[in-house]
Amino acid sequence: MDVPERQAAAGPRPYVVTVGRPPAELAPDGRLPEPLASLGPGVTVTLRPAPGGRGTELVAVLRRDESSLFARLSARLTGENRREAVRTALRQAKQLAETGEVLR
């Protein structure tokens, strides 16, 4: 079995960041922080308790069609990288929750 087949069998890759805040502070009234809310419908974001009671994990998963080979090639041609956008949004949401601003 070659590498692409194994990756396809594993499913979409989740992107996870741990934030040192409780879920109620991260998503008041069920609304996600702006960096994550602006990702659109192609990304599923969930919150779950971090191991050892160390805050909350933000988990973002690109829909399968968003992570397909065709989508990745299309993104490369247009200059839009959805995986990098998800990683950036998670980083920014963590910074906003922990410091109150996006650091540069």
C-alpha atoms as a PDB file:
ATOM      1  CA  MET A   1       0.000   0.000   0.000  1.00  0.00           C
ATOM      2  CA  ASP A   2       1.479   3.381  -0.926  1.00  0.00           C
ATOM      3  CA  VAL A   3       1.352   6.532   1.210  1.00  0.00           C
ATOM      4  CA  PRO A   4      -1.640   8.308  -0.459  1.00  0.00           C
ATOM      5  CA  GLU A   5      -3.843   5.243   0.062  1.00  0.00           C
ATOM      6  CA  ARG A   6      -2.947   5.065   3.759  1.00  0.00           C
ATOM      7  CA  GLN A   7      -3.675   8.753   4.228  1.00  0.00           C
ATOM      8  CA  ALA A   8      -7.022   8.407   2.456  1.00  0.00           C
ATOM      9  CA  ALA A   9      -7.951   5.454   4.684  1.00  0.00           C
ATOM     10  CA  ALA A  10      -7.076   7.405   7.823  1.00  0.00           C
ATOM     11  CA  GLY A  11      -9.528  10.194   7.022  1.00  0.00           C
ATOM     12  CA  PRO A  12      -9.099  13.926   7.449  1.00  0.00           C
ATOM     13  CA  ARG A  13      -6.398  15.119   9.821  1.00  0.00           C
ATOM     14  CA  PRO A  14      -7.549  17.061  12.879  1.00  0.00           C
ATOM     15  CA  TYR A  15      -5.696  20.206  13.895  1.00  0.00           C
ATOM     16  CA  VAL A  16      -5.657  20.653  17.668  1.00  0.00           C
ATOM     17  CA  VAL A  17      -4.544  23.429  20.001  1.00  0.00           C
ATOM     18  CA  THR A  18      -4.850  23.539  23.792  1.00  0.00           C
ATOM     19  CA  VAL A  19      -6.084  26.788  25.304  1.00  0.00           C
ATOM     20  CA  GLY A  20      -5.731  27.526  29.002  1.00  0.00           C
ATOM     21  CA  ARG A  21      -9.368  28.630  29.376  1.00  0.00           C
ATOM     22  CA  PRO A  22     -12.663  26.816  30.061  1.00  0.00           C
ATOM     23  CA  PRO A  23     -15.022  26.154  27.126  1.00  0.00           C
ATOM     24  CA  ALA A  24     -17.557  28.713  28.398  1.00  0.00           C
ATOM     25  CA  GLU A  25     -14.973  31.483  27.934  1.00  0.00           C
ATOM     26  CA  LEU A  26     -13.918  30.288  24.480  1.00  0.00           C
ATOM     27  CA  ALA A  27     -17.380  29.963  23.007  1.00  0.00           C
ATOM     28  CA  PRO A  28     -19.876  32.070  24.955  1.00  0.00           C
ATOM     29  CA  ASP A  29     -23.441  31.349  23.851  1.00  0.00           C
ATOM     30  CA  GLY A  30     -22.053  28.639  21.540  1.00  0.00           C
ATOM     31  CA  ARG A  31     -20.336  31.165  19.244  1.00  0.00           C
ATOM     32  CA  LEU A  32     -16.794  30.360  18.186  1.00  0.00           C
ATOM     33  CA  PRO A  33     -14.064  33.009  18.371  1.00  0.00           C
ATOM     34  CA  GLU A  34     -13.892  35.105  15.184  1.00  0.00           C
ATOM     35  CA  PRO A  35     -10.742  33.548  13.690  1.00  0.00           C
ATOM     36  CA  LEU A  36     -12.470  30.153  13.747  1.00  0.00           C
ATOM     37  CA  ALA A  37     -15.963  31.367  12.818  1.00  0.00           C
ATOM     38  CA  SER A  38     -14.592  32.948   9.647  1.00  0.00           C
ATOM     39  CA  LEU A  39     -13.263  29.620   8.326  1.00  0.00           C
ATOM     40  CA  GLY A  40     -16.653  28.818   6.848  1.00  0.00           C
ATOM     41  CA  PRO A  41     -18.665  25.633   6.417  1.00  0.00           C
ATOM     42  CA  GLY A  42     -15.762  23.513   5.092  1.00  0.00           C
ATOM     43  CA  VAL A  43     -14.280  23.229   8.581  1.00  0.00           C
ATOM     44  CA  THR A  44     -15.777  21.523  11.622  1.00  0.00           C
ATOM     45  CA  VAL A  45     -14.621  22.969  14.962  1.00  0.00           C
ATOM     46  CA  THR A  46     -15.289  21.257  18.283  1.00  0.00           C
ATOM     47  CA  LEU A  47     -14.283  22.030  21.856  1.00  0.00           C
ATOM     48  CA  ARG A  48     -13.368  19.334  24.345  1.00  0.00           C
ATOM     49  CA  PRO A  49     -11.748  19.259  27.777  1.00  0.00           C
ATOM     50  CA  ALA A  50      -7.963  19.091  27.625  1.00  0.00           C
ATOM     51  CA  PRO A  51      -6.312  16.123  29.321  1.00  0.00           C
ATOM     52  CA  GLY A  52      -5.485  16.651  32.978  1.00  0.00           C
ATOM     53  CA  GLY A  53      -7.894  19.562  33.353  1.00  0.00           C
ATOM     54  CA  ARG A  54      -5.501  21.927  31.590  1.00  0.00           C
ATOM     55  CA  GLY A  55      -8.092  23.986  29.772  1.00  0.00           C
ATOM     56  CA  THR A  56      -9.837  23.263  26.492  1.00  0.00           C
ATOM     57  CA  GLU A  57      -8.781  21.687  23.235  1.00  0.00           C
ATOM     58  CA  LEU A  58      -9.953  23.366  20.043  1.00  0.00           C
ATOM     59  CA  VAL A  59     -10.181  20.734  17.323  1.00  0.00           C
ATOM     60  CA  ALA A  60     -10.583  21.756  13.679  1.00  0.00           C
ATOM     61  CA  VAL A  61     -11.119  19.241  10.886  1.00  0.00           C
ATOM     62  CA  LEU A  62     -11.328  20.053   7.176  1.00  0.00           C
ATOM     63  CA  ARG A  63     -14.180  18.246   5.478  1.00  0.00           C
ATOM     64  CA  ARG A  64     -12.966  15.321   3.428  1.00  0.00           C
ATOM     65  CA  ASP A  65     -13.620  17.107   0.115  1.00  0.00           C
ATOM     66  CA  GLU A  66     -11.620  20.101   1.421  1.00  0.00           C
ATOM     67  CA  SER A  67      -8.603  17.878   2.086  1.00  0.00           C
ATOM     68  CA  SER A  68      -8.761  15.894  -1.167  1.00  0.00           C
ATOM     69  CA  LEU A  69      -5.960  15.914  -3.684  1.00  0.00           C
ATOM     70  CA  PHE A  70      -8.033  17.969  -6.130  1.00  0.00           C
ATOM     71  CA  ALA A  71      -8.820  20.592  -3.470  1.00  0.00           C
ATOM     72  CA  ARG A  72      -5.157  20.815  -2.486  1.00  0.00           C
ATOM     73  CA  LEU A  73      -4.041  21.231  -6.097  1.00  0.00           C
ATOM     74  CA  SER A  74      -6.722  23.834  -6.723  1.00  0.00           C
ATOM     75  CA  ALA A  75      -5.658  25.721  -3.597  1.00  0.00           C
ATOM     76  CA  ARG A  76      -2.049  25.664  -4.691  1.00  0.00           C
ATOM     77  CA  LEU A  77      -2.945  27.106  -8.098  1.00  0.00           C
ATOM     78  CA  THR A  78      -5.073  29.875  -6.599  1.00  0.00           C
ATOM     79  CA  GLY A  79      -2.654  30.574  -3.762  1.00  0.00           C
ATOM     80  CA  GLU A  80      -5.212  29.663  -1.077  1.00  0.00           C
ATOM     81  CA  ASN A  81      -4.028  27.065   1.417  1.00  0.00           C
ATOM     82  CA  ARG A  82      -6.948  25.880   3.564  1.00  0.00           C
ATOM     83  CA  ARG A  83      -4.762  23.831   5.898  1.00  0.00           C
ATOM     84  CA  GLU A  84      -2.598  26.844   6.669  1.00  0.00           C
ATOM     85  CA  ALA A  85      -5.729  28.982   7.155  1.00  0.00           C
ATOM     86  CA  VAL A  86      -7.019  26.484   9.745  1.00  0.00           C
ATOM     87  CA  ARG A  87      -3.689  26.403  11.577  1.00  0.00           C
ATOM     88  CA  THR A  88      -3.501  30.211  11.588  1.00  0.00           C
ATOM     89  CA  ALA A  89      -7.080  30.548  12.885  1.00  0.00           C
ATOM     90  CA  LEU A  90      -6.383  28.102  15.715  1.00  0.00           C
ATOM     91  CA  ARG A  91      -3.224  29.984  16.676  1.00  0.00           C
ATOM     92  CA  GLN A  92      -5.038  33.327  16.618  1.00  0.00           C
ATOM     93  CA  ALA A  93      -7.977  31.984  18.666  1.00  0.00           C
ATOM     94  CA  LYS A  94      -5.538  30.697  21.287  1.00  0.00           C
ATOM     95  CA  GLN A  95      -3.763  34.062  21.439  1.00  0.00           C
ATOM     96  CA  LEU A  96      -7.037  35.983  21.739  1.00  0.00           C
ATOM     97  CA  ALA A  97      -8.268  33.735  24.540  1.00  0.00           C
ATOM     98  CA  GLU A  98      -5.040  33.810  26.522  1.00  0.00           C
ATOM     99  CA  THR A  99      -3.745  37.354  25.953  1.00  0.00           C
ATOM    100  CA  GLY A 100      -6.709  39.315  24.579  1.00  0.00           C
ATOM    101  CA  GLU A 101      -4.977  40.137  21.287  1.00  0.00           C
ATOM    102  CA  VAL A 102      -3.322  38.520  18.292  1.00  0.00           C
ATOM    103  CA  LEU A 103       0.413  38.781  18.702  1.00  0.00           C
ATOM    104  CA  ARG A 104       2.727  39.615  15.840  1.00  0.00           C
END
